[in-house]
Amino acid sequence: MTNKINGLDGKSVRAPEPSAVTRARSSTAGETGGRPQPGTAGGVQITESARQLAALEATLSRLSQVDEARVAKIRKAIEDGSYTVDAQATATKLLVFEHDLASLVRSAR
């Protein structure tokens, strides 16, 4: 099956004939050079650290993301007027967060 594609000058464009593709060895392909190892499906291998991360992710997904008891305690304090904000602690935590975030951005470059 072929599709006609017109070039810029209105003439049809011909695609080159299919040829064998050779794969260059790449250092980014991992220790195996991108070749499947015997006994693996399609050459995909999952490292032990990837397995541990998957198990951790599964565990975390089952946990509640909201501490209901803490929310109830803060809600009650707001309602009865006893909730106070420590501005110094909040500012310090914001500055630490910003510093950590900037460090992550710099290390990603």
C-alpha atoms as a PDB file:
ATOM      1  CA  MET A   1       0.000   0.000   0.000  1.00  0.00           C
ATOM      2  CA  THR A   2       1.382   3.395  -0.920  1.00  0.00           C
ATOM      3  CA  ASN A   3       0.222   6.898  -0.167  1.00  0.00           C
ATOM      4  CA  LYS A   4       0.873   9.805  -2.478  1.00  0.00           C
ATOM      5  CA  ILE A   5       2.535  12.708  -0.720  1.00  0.00           C
ATOM      6  CA  ASN A   6       3.216  15.871  -2.641  1.00  0.00           C
ATOM      7  CA  GLY A   7       6.446  17.769  -2.060  1.00  0.00           C
ATOM      8  CA  LEU A   8       6.852  21.531  -1.915  1.00  0.00           C
ATOM      9  CA  ASP A   9       7.072  21.882  -5.695  1.00  0.00           C
ATOM     10  CA  GLY A  10       3.945  19.799  -6.339  1.00  0.00           C
ATOM     11  CA  LYS A  11       5.896  16.730  -7.458  1.00  0.00           C
ATOM     12  CA  SER A  12       5.237  13.510  -5.649  1.00  0.00           C
ATOM     13  CA  VAL A  13       7.710  12.417  -3.034  1.00  0.00           C
ATOM     14  CA  ARG A  14       9.053   8.882  -3.124  1.00  0.00           C
ATOM     15  CA  ALA A  15      10.035   7.113   0.030  1.00  0.00           C
ATOM     16  CA  PRO A  16      13.227   5.080  -0.142  1.00  0.00           C
ATOM     17  CA  GLU A  17      12.900   1.343  -0.398  1.00  0.00           C
ATOM     18  CA  PRO A  18      12.789  -0.441   2.953  1.00  0.00           C
ATOM     19  CA  SER A  19      16.198  -1.653   4.038  1.00  0.00           C
ATOM     20  CA  ALA A  20      17.569  -3.644   6.881  1.00  0.00           C
ATOM     21  CA  VAL A  21      17.991  -1.610  10.021  1.00  0.00           C
ATOM     22  CA  THR A  22      21.129  -2.171  12.017  1.00  0.00           C
ATOM     23  CA  ARG A  23      21.214  -1.213  15.640  1.00  0.00           C
ATOM     24  CA  ALA A  24      24.272   0.593  16.895  1.00  0.00           C
ATOM     25  CA  ARG A  25      25.583  -0.390  20.279  1.00  0.00           C
ATOM     26  CA  SER A  26      24.712   2.350  22.748  1.00  0.00           C
ATOM     27  CA  SER A  27      25.984   2.990  26.248  1.00  0.00           C
ATOM     28  CA  THR A  28      22.443   4.021  27.226  1.00  0.00           C
ATOM     29  CA  ALA A  29      21.049   0.603  26.363  1.00  0.00           C
ATOM     30  CA  GLY A  30      22.276  -0.814  29.645  1.00  0.00           C
ATOM     31  CA  GLU A  31      24.756  -3.516  30.423  1.00  0.00           C
ATOM     32  CA  THR A  32      23.265  -5.939  27.908  1.00  0.00           C
ATOM     33  CA  GLY A  33      23.700  -3.593  24.959  1.00  0.00           C
ATOM     34  CA  GLY A  34      19.956  -3.639  24.369  1.00  0.00           C
ATOM     35  CA  ARG A  35      19.935  -7.354  23.553  1.00  0.00           C
ATOM     36  CA  PRO A  36      17.411  -9.613  25.267  1.00  0.00           C
ATOM     37  CA  GLN A  37      18.870 -11.925  27.858  1.00  0.00           C
ATOM     38  CA  PRO A  38      18.028 -15.620  27.770  1.00  0.00           C
ATOM     39  CA  GLY A  39      14.932 -16.451  29.759  1.00  0.00           C
ATOM     40  CA  THR A  40      13.445 -12.962  29.668  1.00  0.00           C
ATOM     41  CA  ALA A  41      10.324 -11.971  27.802  1.00  0.00           C
ATOM     42  CA  GLY A  42      11.337  -9.503  25.123  1.00  0.00           C
ATOM     43  CA  GLY A  43      14.535  -8.598  26.935  1.00  0.00           C
ATOM     44  CA  VAL A  44      12.803  -6.588  29.655  1.00  0.00           C
ATOM     45  CA  GLN A  45      14.330  -6.948  33.088  1.00  0.00           C
ATOM     46  CA  ILE A  46      13.100  -5.316  36.255  1.00  0.00           C
ATOM     47  CA  THR A  47      15.787  -4.472  38.774  1.00  0.00           C
ATOM     48  CA  GLU A  48      15.439  -5.235  42.457  1.00  0.00           C
ATOM     49  CA  SER A  49      15.175  -1.527  43.256  1.00  0.00           C
ATOM     50  CA  ALA A  50      12.317  -1.216  40.737  1.00  0.00           C
ATOM     51  CA  ARG A  51      10.542  -4.108  42.450  1.00  0.00           C
ATOM     52  CA  GLN A  52      11.005  -2.420  45.835  1.00  0.00           C
ATOM     53  CA  LEU A  53       9.662   0.876  44.464  1.00  0.00           C
ATOM     54  CA  ALA A  54       6.630  -0.893  43.020  1.00  0.00           C
ATOM     55  CA  ALA A  55       5.946  -2.589  46.373  1.00  0.00           C
ATOM     56  CA  LEU A  56       6.331   0.733  48.193  1.00  0.00           C
ATOM     57  CA  GLU A  57       3.992   2.435  45.740  1.00  0.00           C
ATOM     58  CA  ALA A  58       1.392  -0.283  46.243  1.00  0.00           C
ATOM     59  CA  THR A  59       1.658   0.073  50.026  1.00  0.00           C
ATOM     60  CA  LEU A  60       1.361   3.848  49.895  1.00  0.00           C
ATOM     61  CA  SER A  61      -1.636   3.698  47.568  1.00  0.00           C
ATOM     62  CA  ARG A  62      -3.531   1.707  50.202  1.00  0.00           C
ATOM     63  CA  LEU A  63      -2.868   4.295  52.923  1.00  0.00           C
ATOM     64  CA  SER A  64      -5.231   7.156  53.566  1.00  0.00           C
ATOM     65  CA  GLN A  65      -3.796  10.385  52.222  1.00  0.00           C
ATOM     66  CA  VAL A  66      -5.678  12.438  54.792  1.00  0.00           C
ATOM     67  CA  ASP A  67      -5.184  12.170  58.541  1.00  0.00           C
ATOM     68  CA  GLU A  68      -8.847  12.418  59.487  1.00  0.00           C
ATOM     69  CA  ALA A  69      -8.133  12.745  63.220  1.00  0.00           C
ATOM     70  CA  ARG A  70      -5.769  15.673  62.640  1.00  0.00           C
ATOM     71  CA  VAL A  71      -8.266  17.370  60.322  1.00  0.00           C
ATOM     72  CA  ALA A  72     -11.012  17.009  62.941  1.00  0.00           C
ATOM     73  CA  LYS A  73      -8.729  18.420  65.653  1.00  0.00           C
ATOM     74  CA  ILE A  74      -7.769  21.460  63.533  1.00  0.00           C
ATOM     75  CA  ARG A  75     -11.373  22.019  62.432  1.00  0.00           C
ATOM     76  CA  LYS A  76     -12.509  22.026  66.065  1.00  0.00           C
ATOM     77  CA  ALA A  77      -9.721  24.477  67.026  1.00  0.00           C
ATOM     78  CA  ILE A  78     -10.734  26.826  64.196  1.00  0.00           C
ATOM     79  CA  GLU A  79     -14.398  26.641  65.175  1.00  0.00           C
ATOM     80  CA  ASP A  80     -13.754  27.409  68.848  1.00  0.00           C
ATOM     81  CA  GLY A  81     -11.194  30.126  68.040  1.00  0.00           C
ATOM     82  CA  SER A  82      -8.196  28.449  69.648  1.00  0.00           C
ATOM     83  CA  TYR A  83      -6.297  27.752  66.412  1.00  0.00           C
ATOM     84  CA  THR A  84      -3.178  29.894  66.030  1.00  0.00           C
ATOM     85  CA  VAL A  85      -0.625  30.092  63.248  1.00  0.00           C
ATOM     86  CA  ASP A  86       3.080  30.251  64.099  1.00  0.00           C
ATOM     87  CA  ALA A  87       4.207  32.669  61.392  1.00  0.00           C
ATOM     88  CA  GLN A  88       7.912  32.125  62.134  1.00  0.00           C
ATOM     89  CA  ALA A  89       7.644  28.336  61.810  1.00  0.00           C
ATOM     90  CA  THR A  90       5.589  28.671  58.613  1.00  0.00           C
ATOM     91  CA  ALA A  91       8.101  31.078  57.057  1.00  0.00           C
ATOM     92  CA  THR A  92      11.028  28.842  58.020  1.00  0.00           C
ATOM     93  CA  LYS A  93       9.405  25.781  56.485  1.00  0.00           C
ATOM     94  CA  LEU A  94       8.623  27.708  53.284  1.00  0.00           C
ATOM     95  CA  LEU A  95      12.245  28.843  52.985  1.00  0.00           C
ATOM     96  CA  VAL A  96      13.549  25.308  53.565  1.00  0.00           C
ATOM     97  CA  PHE A  97      11.113  23.988  50.947  1.00  0.00           C
ATOM     98  CA  GLU A  98      12.205  26.615  48.407  1.00  0.00           C
ATOM     99  CA  HIS A  99      15.875  25.852  49.067  1.00  0.00           C
ATOM    100  CA  ASP A 100      15.308  22.099  48.612  1.00  0.00           C
ATOM    101  CA  LEU A 101      13.303  22.688  45.440  1.00  0.00           C
ATOM    102  CA  ALA A 102      16.027  24.926  43.986  1.00  0.00           C
ATOM    103  CA  SER A 103      18.626  22.252  44.791  1.00  0.00           C
ATOM    104  CA  LEU A 104      16.563  19.651  42.928  1.00  0.00           C
ATOM    105  CA  VAL A 105      16.243  21.883  39.882  1.00  0.00           C
ATOM    106  CA  ARG A 106      19.992  22.590  39.836  1.00  0.00           C
ATOM    107  CA  SER A 107      20.870  18.901  40.166  1.00  0.00           C
ATOM    108  CA  ALA A 108      18.477  17.980  37.321  1.00  0.00           C
ATOM    109  CA  ARG A 109      20.378  20.188  34.854  1.00  0.00           C
END
